[in-house]
N, C-alpha and C. Protein backbone atom coordinates (compact mmCIF):
# COMPACT_ATOMS: atom_id res chain seq x y z
N MET A 1 -8.55 1.28 -18.98
CA MET A 1 -7.55 2.30 -18.74
C MET A 1 -6.33 1.68 -18.04
N ILE A 2 -5.16 2.03 -18.51
CA ILE A 2 -3.92 1.50 -17.93
C ILE A 2 -3.43 2.46 -16.86
N LYS A 3 -3.17 1.89 -15.67
CA LYS A 3 -2.65 2.67 -14.55
C LYS A 3 -1.15 2.44 -14.46
N ILE A 4 -0.39 3.54 -14.62
CA ILE A 4 1.06 3.46 -14.54
C ILE A 4 1.51 4.02 -13.21
N GLY A 5 2.22 3.23 -12.44
CA GLY A 5 2.82 3.71 -11.20
C GLY A 5 4.21 4.23 -11.51
N LEU A 6 4.38 5.54 -11.45
CA LEU A 6 5.67 6.17 -11.73
C LEU A 6 6.36 6.45 -10.41
N THR A 7 7.56 5.90 -10.26
CA THR A 7 8.29 6.12 -9.02
C THR A 7 9.76 6.36 -9.34
N GLY A 8 10.49 6.60 -8.32
CA GLY A 8 11.92 6.87 -8.45
C GLY A 8 12.44 7.10 -7.06
N GLY A 9 13.37 7.99 -6.95
CA GLY A 9 13.90 8.34 -5.65
C GLY A 9 14.01 9.85 -5.57
N ILE A 10 14.30 10.33 -4.41
CA ILE A 10 14.46 11.75 -4.23
C ILE A 10 15.55 12.26 -5.18
N ALA A 11 15.26 13.33 -5.89
CA ALA A 11 16.19 13.96 -6.84
C ALA A 11 16.54 13.09 -8.04
N SER A 12 15.63 12.16 -8.40
CA SER A 12 15.88 11.32 -9.58
C SER A 12 15.31 11.94 -10.86
N GLY A 13 14.39 12.90 -10.71
CA GLY A 13 13.78 13.52 -11.89
C GLY A 13 12.39 12.99 -12.21
N LYS A 14 11.82 12.27 -11.29
CA LYS A 14 10.50 11.68 -11.49
C LYS A 14 9.43 12.74 -11.76
N THR A 15 9.48 13.84 -11.03
CA THR A 15 8.49 14.89 -11.21
C THR A 15 8.57 15.49 -12.61
N ARG A 16 9.77 15.65 -13.12
CA ARG A 16 9.93 16.20 -14.48
C ARG A 16 9.37 15.23 -15.52
N VAL A 17 9.58 13.94 -15.30
CA VAL A 17 9.02 12.94 -16.21
C VAL A 17 7.49 12.99 -16.17
N ALA A 18 6.93 13.06 -14.97
CA ALA A 18 5.46 13.14 -14.84
C ALA A 18 4.94 14.39 -15.55
N SER A 19 5.65 15.50 -15.40
CA SER A 19 5.23 16.75 -16.04
C SER A 19 5.26 16.64 -17.56
N TRP A 20 6.20 15.89 -18.09
CA TRP A 20 6.28 15.69 -19.54
C TRP A 20 4.98 15.05 -20.05
N PHE A 21 4.51 14.03 -19.33
CA PHE A 21 3.26 13.38 -19.72
C PHE A 21 2.06 14.31 -19.53
N ALA A 22 2.06 15.05 -18.43
CA ALA A 22 0.96 15.98 -18.16
C ALA A 22 0.85 17.03 -19.25
N GLN A 23 1.99 17.54 -19.72
CA GLN A 23 1.98 18.55 -20.77
C GLN A 23 1.43 18.00 -22.08
N LYS A 24 1.47 16.70 -22.23
CA LYS A 24 0.93 16.07 -23.44
C LYS A 24 -0.54 15.65 -23.25
N GLY A 25 -1.11 16.02 -22.11
CA GLY A 25 -2.53 15.78 -21.88
C GLY A 25 -2.87 14.48 -21.16
N ILE A 26 -1.87 13.77 -20.70
CA ILE A 26 -2.13 12.53 -19.95
C ILE A 26 -2.43 12.92 -18.50
N PRO A 27 -3.51 12.39 -17.91
CA PRO A 27 -3.80 12.72 -16.52
C PRO A 27 -2.70 12.17 -15.60
N VAL A 28 -2.31 12.98 -14.63
CA VAL A 28 -1.28 12.60 -13.67
C VAL A 28 -1.81 12.85 -12.27
N PHE A 29 -1.73 11.81 -11.45
CA PHE A 29 -2.01 11.98 -10.01
C PHE A 29 -0.67 12.15 -9.32
N ASP A 30 -0.47 13.28 -8.67
CA ASP A 30 0.79 13.61 -8.01
C ASP A 30 0.61 13.42 -6.51
N ALA A 31 1.15 12.33 -5.98
CA ALA A 31 0.96 12.02 -4.56
C ALA A 31 1.61 13.07 -3.67
N ASP A 32 2.78 13.58 -4.07
CA ASP A 32 3.44 14.63 -3.27
C ASP A 32 2.57 15.87 -3.17
N ASP A 33 1.99 16.27 -4.30
CA ASP A 33 1.12 17.44 -4.33
C ASP A 33 -0.11 17.21 -3.44
N ALA A 34 -0.65 16.00 -3.50
CA ALA A 34 -1.81 15.67 -2.67
C ALA A 34 -1.45 15.76 -1.18
N VAL A 35 -0.26 15.28 -0.83
CA VAL A 35 0.20 15.35 0.56
C VAL A 35 0.34 16.81 1.00
N HIS A 36 0.93 17.64 0.13
CA HIS A 36 1.11 19.06 0.49
C HIS A 36 -0.23 19.74 0.70
N ARG A 37 -1.23 19.39 -0.10
CA ARG A 37 -2.56 19.97 0.11
C ARG A 37 -3.14 19.52 1.45
N LEU A 38 -2.90 18.26 1.81
CA LEU A 38 -3.37 17.77 3.11
C LEU A 38 -2.65 18.49 4.26
N TYR A 39 -1.36 18.78 4.04
CA TYR A 39 -0.58 19.49 5.07
C TYR A 39 -1.11 20.90 5.28
N ASP A 40 -1.77 21.45 4.28
CA ASP A 40 -2.32 22.80 4.40
C ASP A 40 -3.72 22.81 5.03
N GLY A 41 -4.24 21.65 5.37
CA GLY A 41 -5.60 21.61 5.90
C GLY A 41 -5.82 20.50 6.91
N PRO A 42 -6.43 19.40 6.44
CA PRO A 42 -6.91 18.38 7.38
C PRO A 42 -5.85 17.73 8.28
N LEU A 43 -4.59 17.74 7.86
CA LEU A 43 -3.56 17.06 8.66
C LEU A 43 -2.99 17.93 9.77
N ILE A 44 -3.24 19.23 9.74
CA ILE A 44 -2.61 20.13 10.72
C ILE A 44 -2.89 19.69 12.16
N PRO A 45 -4.15 19.52 12.56
CA PRO A 45 -4.37 19.13 13.96
C PRO A 45 -3.87 17.72 14.28
N LEU A 46 -3.95 16.81 13.29
CA LEU A 46 -3.50 15.44 13.52
C LEU A 46 -1.99 15.38 13.75
N ILE A 47 -1.25 16.14 12.96
CA ILE A 47 0.21 16.14 13.10
C ILE A 47 0.61 16.84 14.40
N GLY A 48 -0.06 17.92 14.73
CA GLY A 48 0.22 18.59 16.00
C GLY A 48 0.02 17.65 17.18
N LYS A 49 -1.04 16.87 17.13
CA LYS A 49 -1.34 15.94 18.22
C LYS A 49 -0.33 14.80 18.26
N GLU A 50 0.02 14.28 17.09
CA GLU A 50 0.90 13.10 17.01
C GLU A 50 2.37 13.44 17.25
N PHE A 51 2.83 14.59 16.74
CA PHE A 51 4.26 14.88 16.77
C PHE A 51 4.64 16.09 17.63
N GLY A 52 3.64 16.76 18.20
CA GLY A 52 3.93 17.86 19.10
C GLY A 52 3.75 19.22 18.47
N SER A 53 3.53 20.20 19.33
CA SER A 53 3.20 21.55 18.87
C SER A 53 4.35 22.21 18.12
N GLU A 54 5.60 21.74 18.32
CA GLU A 54 6.73 22.34 17.59
C GLU A 54 6.64 22.08 16.09
N CYS A 55 5.79 21.13 15.69
CA CYS A 55 5.61 20.82 14.26
C CYS A 55 4.53 21.68 13.62
N VAL A 56 3.86 22.50 14.43
CA VAL A 56 2.84 23.40 13.89
C VAL A 56 3.18 24.81 14.35
N ARG A 57 3.39 25.70 13.39
CA ARG A 57 3.73 27.09 13.71
C ARG A 57 2.79 28.02 12.94
N ASP A 58 2.20 28.95 13.65
CA ASP A 58 1.28 29.92 13.05
C ASP A 58 0.17 29.23 12.27
N GLY A 59 -0.34 28.13 12.81
CA GLY A 59 -1.46 27.43 12.19
C GLY A 59 -1.09 26.61 10.96
N LYS A 60 0.22 26.43 10.72
CA LYS A 60 0.67 25.64 9.56
C LYS A 60 1.68 24.61 10.02
N ILE A 61 1.79 23.53 9.26
CA ILE A 61 2.77 22.51 9.58
C ILE A 61 4.16 23.05 9.24
N ASP A 62 5.07 22.93 10.19
CA ASP A 62 6.46 23.29 9.97
C ASP A 62 7.13 22.07 9.35
N ARG A 63 7.20 22.05 8.03
CA ARG A 63 7.69 20.87 7.31
C ARG A 63 9.14 20.57 7.61
N ALA A 64 9.94 21.62 7.83
CA ALA A 64 11.35 21.40 8.16
C ALA A 64 11.47 20.66 9.49
N GLU A 65 10.70 21.10 10.47
CA GLU A 65 10.73 20.46 11.80
C GLU A 65 10.22 19.03 11.72
N LEU A 66 9.12 18.84 11.01
CA LEU A 66 8.57 17.50 10.85
C LEU A 66 9.56 16.60 10.11
N GLY A 67 10.23 17.17 9.10
CA GLY A 67 11.22 16.41 8.33
C GLY A 67 12.36 15.92 9.21
N LYS A 68 12.82 16.77 10.13
CA LYS A 68 13.90 16.36 11.04
C LYS A 68 13.48 15.14 11.86
N ILE A 69 12.24 15.15 12.29
CA ILE A 69 11.74 14.05 13.12
C ILE A 69 11.63 12.77 12.31
N ILE A 70 11.00 12.85 11.15
CA ILE A 70 10.71 11.59 10.43
C ILE A 70 11.91 11.02 9.70
N PHE A 71 12.87 11.85 9.30
CA PHE A 71 14.04 11.31 8.62
C PHE A 71 15.01 10.65 9.58
N ASP A 72 14.93 10.99 10.86
CA ASP A 72 15.83 10.40 11.85
C ASP A 72 15.20 9.25 12.63
N ASP A 73 13.92 9.02 12.44
CA ASP A 73 13.22 8.03 13.26
C ASP A 73 12.24 7.23 12.40
N PRO A 74 12.61 6.00 12.03
CA PRO A 74 11.72 5.18 11.19
C PRO A 74 10.34 4.95 11.80
N GLU A 75 10.28 4.85 13.11
CA GLU A 75 8.98 4.65 13.77
C GLU A 75 8.09 5.90 13.61
N ALA A 76 8.70 7.07 13.73
CA ALA A 76 7.95 8.32 13.54
C ALA A 76 7.47 8.42 12.09
N ARG A 77 8.33 8.03 11.14
CA ARG A 77 7.95 8.07 9.73
C ARG A 77 6.75 7.15 9.48
N GLN A 78 6.76 5.98 10.13
CA GLN A 78 5.64 5.05 9.97
C GLN A 78 4.35 5.64 10.55
N ARG A 79 4.45 6.32 11.69
CA ARG A 79 3.26 6.94 12.28
C ARG A 79 2.69 8.01 11.35
N LEU A 80 3.58 8.79 10.72
CA LEU A 80 3.12 9.81 9.77
C LEU A 80 2.43 9.14 8.57
N GLU A 81 3.04 8.09 8.05
CA GLU A 81 2.46 7.38 6.90
C GLU A 81 1.07 6.82 7.24
N GLU A 82 0.89 6.36 8.47
CA GLU A 82 -0.42 5.83 8.88
C GLU A 82 -1.49 6.92 8.89
N LEU A 83 -1.09 8.17 9.11
CA LEU A 83 -2.03 9.28 9.04
C LEU A 83 -2.33 9.66 7.58
N VAL A 84 -1.27 9.69 6.77
CA VAL A 84 -1.37 10.25 5.42
C VAL A 84 -1.87 9.25 4.38
N HIS A 85 -1.36 8.03 4.39
CA HIS A 85 -1.61 7.10 3.30
C HIS A 85 -3.07 6.78 3.00
N PRO A 86 -3.91 6.56 4.01
CA PRO A 86 -5.32 6.28 3.66
C PRO A 86 -5.98 7.43 2.91
N LEU A 87 -5.63 8.67 3.28
CA LEU A 87 -6.21 9.84 2.61
C LEU A 87 -5.71 9.94 1.16
N ILE A 88 -4.43 9.65 0.95
CA ILE A 88 -3.85 9.70 -0.40
C ILE A 88 -4.43 8.60 -1.27
N ARG A 89 -4.56 7.41 -0.72
CA ARG A 89 -5.14 6.28 -1.49
C ARG A 89 -6.53 6.63 -1.99
N GLN A 90 -7.33 7.26 -1.13
CA GLN A 90 -8.68 7.62 -1.54
C GLN A 90 -8.66 8.66 -2.67
N GLN A 91 -7.79 9.66 -2.56
CA GLN A 91 -7.69 10.66 -3.62
C GLN A 91 -7.23 10.01 -4.93
N MET A 92 -6.30 9.07 -4.84
CA MET A 92 -5.81 8.36 -6.02
C MET A 92 -6.95 7.59 -6.69
N ARG A 93 -7.72 6.87 -5.89
CA ARG A 93 -8.86 6.11 -6.44
C ARG A 93 -9.86 7.05 -7.13
N ASP A 94 -10.13 8.18 -6.48
CA ASP A 94 -11.07 9.15 -7.05
C ASP A 94 -10.59 9.66 -8.40
N GLN A 95 -9.30 10.00 -8.50
CA GLN A 95 -8.78 10.52 -9.77
C GLN A 95 -8.76 9.45 -10.85
N CYS A 96 -8.47 8.20 -10.47
CA CYS A 96 -8.50 7.10 -11.45
C CYS A 96 -9.92 6.90 -11.98
N LEU A 97 -10.89 6.95 -11.08
CA LEU A 97 -12.29 6.78 -11.49
C LEU A 97 -12.70 7.91 -12.43
N LYS A 98 -12.33 9.12 -12.10
CA LYS A 98 -12.66 10.27 -12.95
C LYS A 98 -12.04 10.11 -14.34
N ALA A 99 -10.77 9.70 -14.40
CA ALA A 99 -10.09 9.52 -15.69
C ALA A 99 -10.75 8.41 -16.50
N GLU A 100 -11.15 7.35 -15.83
CA GLU A 100 -11.80 6.24 -16.52
C GLU A 100 -13.13 6.67 -17.11
N ILE A 101 -13.91 7.42 -16.32
CA ILE A 101 -15.21 7.92 -16.79
C ILE A 101 -15.02 8.83 -18.00
N GLN A 102 -13.91 9.59 -18.02
CA GLN A 102 -13.64 10.50 -19.13
C GLN A 102 -13.05 9.78 -20.35
N GLY A 103 -12.88 8.47 -20.24
CA GLY A 103 -12.41 7.69 -21.38
C GLY A 103 -10.91 7.76 -21.63
N GLU A 104 -10.14 8.10 -20.60
CA GLU A 104 -8.69 8.18 -20.77
C GLU A 104 -8.12 6.78 -21.02
N LYS A 105 -7.07 6.72 -21.83
CA LYS A 105 -6.42 5.46 -22.16
C LYS A 105 -5.37 5.09 -21.10
N LEU A 106 -4.82 6.12 -20.45
CA LEU A 106 -3.68 5.94 -19.55
C LEU A 106 -3.74 6.99 -18.45
N ILE A 107 -3.32 6.62 -17.26
CA ILE A 107 -3.13 7.59 -16.19
C ILE A 107 -1.79 7.31 -15.53
N ILE A 108 -1.07 8.37 -15.21
CA ILE A 108 0.21 8.26 -14.51
C ILE A 108 -0.04 8.55 -13.03
N LEU A 109 0.33 7.61 -12.19
CA LEU A 109 0.21 7.79 -10.75
C LEU A 109 1.63 8.02 -10.21
N ASP A 110 1.96 9.28 -9.99
CA ASP A 110 3.29 9.71 -9.58
C ASP A 110 3.38 9.54 -8.07
N ILE A 111 3.99 8.41 -7.64
CA ILE A 111 4.00 8.05 -6.23
C ILE A 111 5.43 7.69 -5.81
N PRO A 112 6.09 8.59 -5.08
CA PRO A 112 7.48 8.33 -4.70
C PRO A 112 7.68 7.01 -3.95
N LEU A 113 6.78 6.67 -3.04
CA LEU A 113 6.94 5.48 -2.21
C LEU A 113 6.06 4.31 -2.71
N LEU A 114 5.84 4.26 -4.00
CA LEU A 114 4.97 3.23 -4.59
C LEU A 114 5.35 1.82 -4.14
N LEU A 115 6.63 1.49 -4.21
CA LEU A 115 7.07 0.14 -3.87
C LEU A 115 7.23 -0.05 -2.37
N GLU A 116 7.70 0.98 -1.67
CA GLU A 116 7.88 0.87 -0.22
C GLU A 116 6.55 0.62 0.49
N THR A 117 5.48 1.20 -0.03
CA THR A 117 4.18 1.10 0.64
C THR A 117 3.36 -0.10 0.16
N GLY A 118 3.85 -0.81 -0.85
CA GLY A 118 3.09 -1.93 -1.40
C GLY A 118 1.99 -1.50 -2.35
N TRP A 119 2.01 -0.24 -2.77
CA TRP A 119 0.96 0.26 -3.66
C TRP A 119 1.14 -0.19 -5.10
N GLY A 120 2.22 -0.90 -5.39
CA GLY A 120 2.41 -1.45 -6.72
C GLY A 120 1.26 -2.35 -7.14
N LYS A 121 0.56 -2.91 -6.16
CA LYS A 121 -0.58 -3.79 -6.47
C LYS A 121 -1.77 -3.02 -7.06
N PHE A 122 -1.75 -1.69 -6.95
CA PHE A 122 -2.86 -0.89 -7.47
C PHE A 122 -2.65 -0.47 -8.92
N VAL A 123 -1.49 -0.80 -9.51
CA VAL A 123 -1.17 -0.33 -10.85
C VAL A 123 -0.95 -1.49 -11.81
N ASP A 124 -1.02 -1.17 -13.12
CA ASP A 124 -0.79 -2.20 -14.14
C ASP A 124 0.69 -2.34 -14.49
N GLU A 125 1.42 -1.23 -14.43
CA GLU A 125 2.85 -1.25 -14.70
C GLU A 125 3.56 -0.31 -13.73
N VAL A 126 4.79 -0.69 -13.38
CA VAL A 126 5.65 0.15 -12.55
C VAL A 126 6.77 0.68 -13.44
N TRP A 127 6.90 2.02 -13.48
CA TRP A 127 8.00 2.67 -14.19
C TRP A 127 8.88 3.35 -13.16
N VAL A 128 10.18 3.12 -13.27
CA VAL A 128 11.13 3.71 -12.34
C VAL A 128 12.01 4.72 -13.08
N VAL A 129 12.07 5.94 -12.56
CA VAL A 129 12.99 6.95 -13.06
C VAL A 129 14.29 6.74 -12.28
N TYR A 130 15.34 6.41 -13.02
CA TYR A 130 16.59 5.97 -12.40
C TYR A 130 17.74 6.94 -12.62
N VAL A 131 18.51 7.16 -11.58
CA VAL A 131 19.84 7.77 -11.67
C VAL A 131 20.71 7.05 -10.63
N PRO A 132 22.03 6.98 -10.85
CA PRO A 132 22.90 6.40 -9.83
C PRO A 132 22.84 7.21 -8.53
N ALA A 133 23.10 6.55 -7.41
CA ALA A 133 23.01 7.19 -6.09
C ALA A 133 23.87 8.44 -5.98
N GLU A 134 25.04 8.43 -6.58
CA GLU A 134 25.94 9.58 -6.47
C GLU A 134 25.31 10.82 -7.13
N ILE A 135 24.60 10.61 -8.24
CA ILE A 135 23.92 11.73 -8.91
C ILE A 135 22.77 12.21 -8.03
N GLN A 136 22.04 11.29 -7.42
CA GLN A 136 20.97 11.69 -6.51
C GLN A 136 21.50 12.58 -5.39
N ILE A 137 22.62 12.15 -4.78
CA ILE A 137 23.19 12.90 -3.66
C ILE A 137 23.59 14.30 -4.12
N THR A 138 24.28 14.38 -5.24
CA THR A 138 24.73 15.68 -5.75
C THR A 138 23.55 16.59 -6.05
N ARG A 139 22.53 16.06 -6.75
CA ARG A 139 21.35 16.87 -7.08
C ARG A 139 20.63 17.32 -5.83
N LEU A 140 20.51 16.43 -4.86
CA LEU A 140 19.79 16.76 -3.62
C LEU A 140 20.54 17.83 -2.83
N MET A 141 21.85 17.73 -2.77
CA MET A 141 22.65 18.74 -2.08
C MET A 141 22.47 20.11 -2.74
N GLU A 142 22.50 20.13 -4.08
CA GLU A 142 22.35 21.39 -4.82
C GLU A 142 20.93 21.95 -4.69
N ARG A 143 19.95 21.06 -4.86
CA ARG A 143 18.55 21.50 -4.87
C ARG A 143 18.08 21.99 -3.51
N SER A 144 18.46 21.28 -2.47
CA SER A 144 17.90 21.57 -1.14
C SER A 144 18.91 22.15 -0.17
N SER A 145 20.08 22.53 -0.64
CA SER A 145 21.14 23.09 0.20
C SER A 145 21.41 22.21 1.42
N LEU A 146 21.60 20.93 1.17
CA LEU A 146 21.87 19.98 2.25
C LEU A 146 23.35 19.63 2.28
N THR A 147 23.82 19.21 3.44
CA THR A 147 25.16 18.65 3.51
C THR A 147 25.11 17.25 2.90
N ARG A 148 26.28 16.70 2.59
CA ARG A 148 26.32 15.34 2.06
C ARG A 148 25.67 14.34 3.03
N GLU A 149 25.97 14.51 4.32
CA GLU A 149 25.42 13.62 5.34
C GLU A 149 23.89 13.70 5.37
N GLU A 150 23.35 14.90 5.31
CA GLU A 150 21.88 15.05 5.30
C GLU A 150 21.28 14.40 4.05
N ALA A 151 21.92 14.61 2.90
CA ALA A 151 21.42 14.02 1.65
C ALA A 151 21.46 12.50 1.72
N GLU A 152 22.54 11.96 2.25
CA GLU A 152 22.66 10.50 2.36
C GLU A 152 21.61 9.93 3.30
N ARG A 153 21.33 10.66 4.40
CA ARG A 153 20.30 10.20 5.34
C ARG A 153 18.94 10.16 4.66
N ARG A 154 18.64 11.16 3.84
CA ARG A 154 17.34 11.18 3.14
C ARG A 154 17.26 10.04 2.13
N LEU A 155 18.35 9.77 1.46
CA LEU A 155 18.37 8.65 0.52
C LEU A 155 18.16 7.33 1.26
N ALA A 156 18.77 7.21 2.43
CA ALA A 156 18.66 5.97 3.21
C ALA A 156 17.24 5.70 3.69
N ALA A 157 16.40 6.75 3.72
CA ALA A 157 15.01 6.59 4.16
C ALA A 157 14.14 5.98 3.07
N GLN A 158 14.68 5.86 1.85
CA GLN A 158 13.91 5.29 0.74
C GLN A 158 14.58 4.01 0.24
N MET A 159 13.80 3.21 -0.45
CA MET A 159 14.35 2.02 -1.09
C MET A 159 15.37 2.46 -2.14
N PRO A 160 16.56 1.83 -2.18
CA PRO A 160 17.55 2.21 -3.19
C PRO A 160 17.00 2.03 -4.61
N LEU A 161 17.37 2.95 -5.48
CA LEU A 161 16.90 2.87 -6.87
C LEU A 161 17.35 1.58 -7.55
N GLU A 162 18.49 1.05 -7.15
CA GLU A 162 18.94 -0.23 -7.72
C GLU A 162 17.92 -1.32 -7.43
N ASP A 163 17.32 -1.31 -6.24
CA ASP A 163 16.30 -2.30 -5.88
C ASP A 163 15.00 -2.03 -6.63
N LYS A 164 14.65 -0.75 -6.77
CA LYS A 164 13.42 -0.41 -7.49
C LYS A 164 13.50 -0.84 -8.95
N LYS A 165 14.68 -0.69 -9.55
CA LYS A 165 14.88 -1.09 -10.95
C LYS A 165 14.48 -2.55 -11.16
N LYS A 166 14.80 -3.40 -10.19
CA LYS A 166 14.52 -4.84 -10.31
C LYS A 166 13.02 -5.14 -10.33
N LYS A 167 12.22 -4.21 -9.82
CA LYS A 167 10.77 -4.43 -9.73
C LYS A 167 10.00 -3.68 -10.82
N ALA A 168 10.74 -3.03 -11.72
CA ALA A 168 10.11 -2.16 -12.72
C ALA A 168 9.76 -2.91 -14.00
N HIS A 169 8.65 -2.51 -14.61
CA HIS A 169 8.32 -2.94 -15.97
C HIS A 169 9.15 -2.14 -16.97
N ARG A 170 9.39 -0.87 -16.63
CA ARG A 170 10.20 0.02 -17.47
C ARG A 170 11.11 0.85 -16.56
N VAL A 171 12.33 1.06 -17.05
CA VAL A 171 13.28 1.93 -16.35
C VAL A 171 13.58 3.11 -17.28
N ILE A 172 13.38 4.29 -16.76
CA ILE A 172 13.67 5.52 -17.49
C ILE A 172 14.96 6.09 -16.90
N ASP A 173 16.03 6.04 -17.69
CA ASP A 173 17.34 6.49 -17.22
C ASP A 173 17.44 8.00 -17.36
N ASN A 174 17.52 8.69 -16.23
CA ASN A 174 17.59 10.15 -16.23
C ASN A 174 18.96 10.64 -15.75
N SER A 175 19.98 9.85 -16.01
CA SER A 175 21.30 10.20 -15.50
C SER A 175 22.11 11.08 -16.46
N ARG A 176 21.62 11.22 -17.69
CA ARG A 176 22.34 12.08 -18.64
C ARG A 176 21.53 13.36 -18.82
N ASP A 177 21.67 14.03 -19.94
CA ASP A 177 20.92 15.28 -20.10
C ASP A 177 19.45 14.98 -20.43
N TRP A 178 18.63 16.02 -20.28
CA TRP A 178 17.18 15.85 -20.41
C TRP A 178 16.78 15.35 -21.80
N ARG A 179 17.49 15.76 -22.83
CA ARG A 179 17.15 15.33 -24.19
C ARG A 179 17.22 13.81 -24.31
N GLU A 180 18.18 13.20 -23.65
CA GLU A 180 18.30 11.73 -23.67
C GLU A 180 17.11 11.08 -22.96
N THR A 181 16.69 11.69 -21.87
CA THR A 181 15.51 11.18 -21.16
C THR A 181 14.28 11.33 -22.03
N GLU A 182 14.16 12.47 -22.67
CA GLU A 182 13.00 12.74 -23.51
C GLU A 182 12.89 11.74 -24.66
N LYS A 183 14.00 11.32 -25.22
CA LYS A 183 13.98 10.29 -26.28
C LYS A 183 13.34 9.01 -25.77
N GLN A 184 13.66 8.63 -24.54
CA GLN A 184 13.05 7.44 -23.95
C GLN A 184 11.54 7.62 -23.78
N LEU A 185 11.13 8.82 -23.36
CA LEU A 185 9.70 9.08 -23.16
C LEU A 185 8.96 9.06 -24.49
N GLU A 186 9.59 9.56 -25.53
CA GLU A 186 8.96 9.53 -26.85
C GLU A 186 8.79 8.09 -27.34
N MET A 187 9.73 7.22 -27.02
CA MET A 187 9.60 5.81 -27.38
C MET A 187 8.43 5.16 -26.63
N ILE A 188 8.30 5.50 -25.36
CA ILE A 188 7.18 4.98 -24.56
C ILE A 188 5.87 5.47 -25.17
N TRP A 189 5.83 6.75 -25.56
CA TRP A 189 4.63 7.33 -26.16
C TRP A 189 4.21 6.52 -27.40
N LYS A 190 5.19 6.19 -28.21
CA LYS A 190 4.90 5.39 -29.42
C LYS A 190 4.45 3.98 -29.04
N ASP A 191 5.09 3.37 -28.05
CA ASP A 191 4.73 2.02 -27.62
C ASP A 191 3.26 1.94 -27.20
N PHE A 192 2.77 3.00 -26.57
CA PHE A 192 1.38 3.01 -26.09
C PHE A 192 0.43 3.59 -27.13
N ASP A 193 0.98 3.97 -28.29
CA ASP A 193 0.17 4.48 -29.38
C ASP A 193 -0.74 5.62 -28.90
N LEU A 194 -0.11 6.56 -28.18
CA LEU A 194 -0.87 7.68 -27.64
C LEU A 194 -1.02 8.77 -28.70
N PRO A 195 -2.14 9.50 -28.66
CA PRO A 195 -2.40 10.50 -29.70
C PRO A 195 -1.49 11.72 -29.62
């Protein structure tokens, strides 16, 4: 079974690309979704202890408050990753094993921080969903109602897409309309001779 590490940057369209494969029946491990599930359960007391009670409101993690802390403080972001990453890695391994047992030919591991965390070593190929930084900023401002400064700060917390492109086996350009992106995905589908 081929493990594809799908990555990109915030507001690059990576999730939409992963969904395209999922709709065609390819198993997809969504690291963001796995993190959100952890935020709804096992991480609540750990985050409260590590980052303070203001990050937990009414028995739930206040993601906006936590986001303010980790986007402004690289050390805080690293502490959060040390709590989250081992749990995500285990879930990823479990889903890969399940897909392999089921005889899947390919699995997409949708991991935003694939290269930043060194998790590229767990996959057979790295695919990067790419858009220029200016498009990322514009999409992020529109999607999340952020100021330009807030959007730029969030981008600065991740490896630039230009750097990710250099480490990719495949680059999926999502800077034009979706139909153009879909043409690239259809070519990949043919390359892998998927049913």
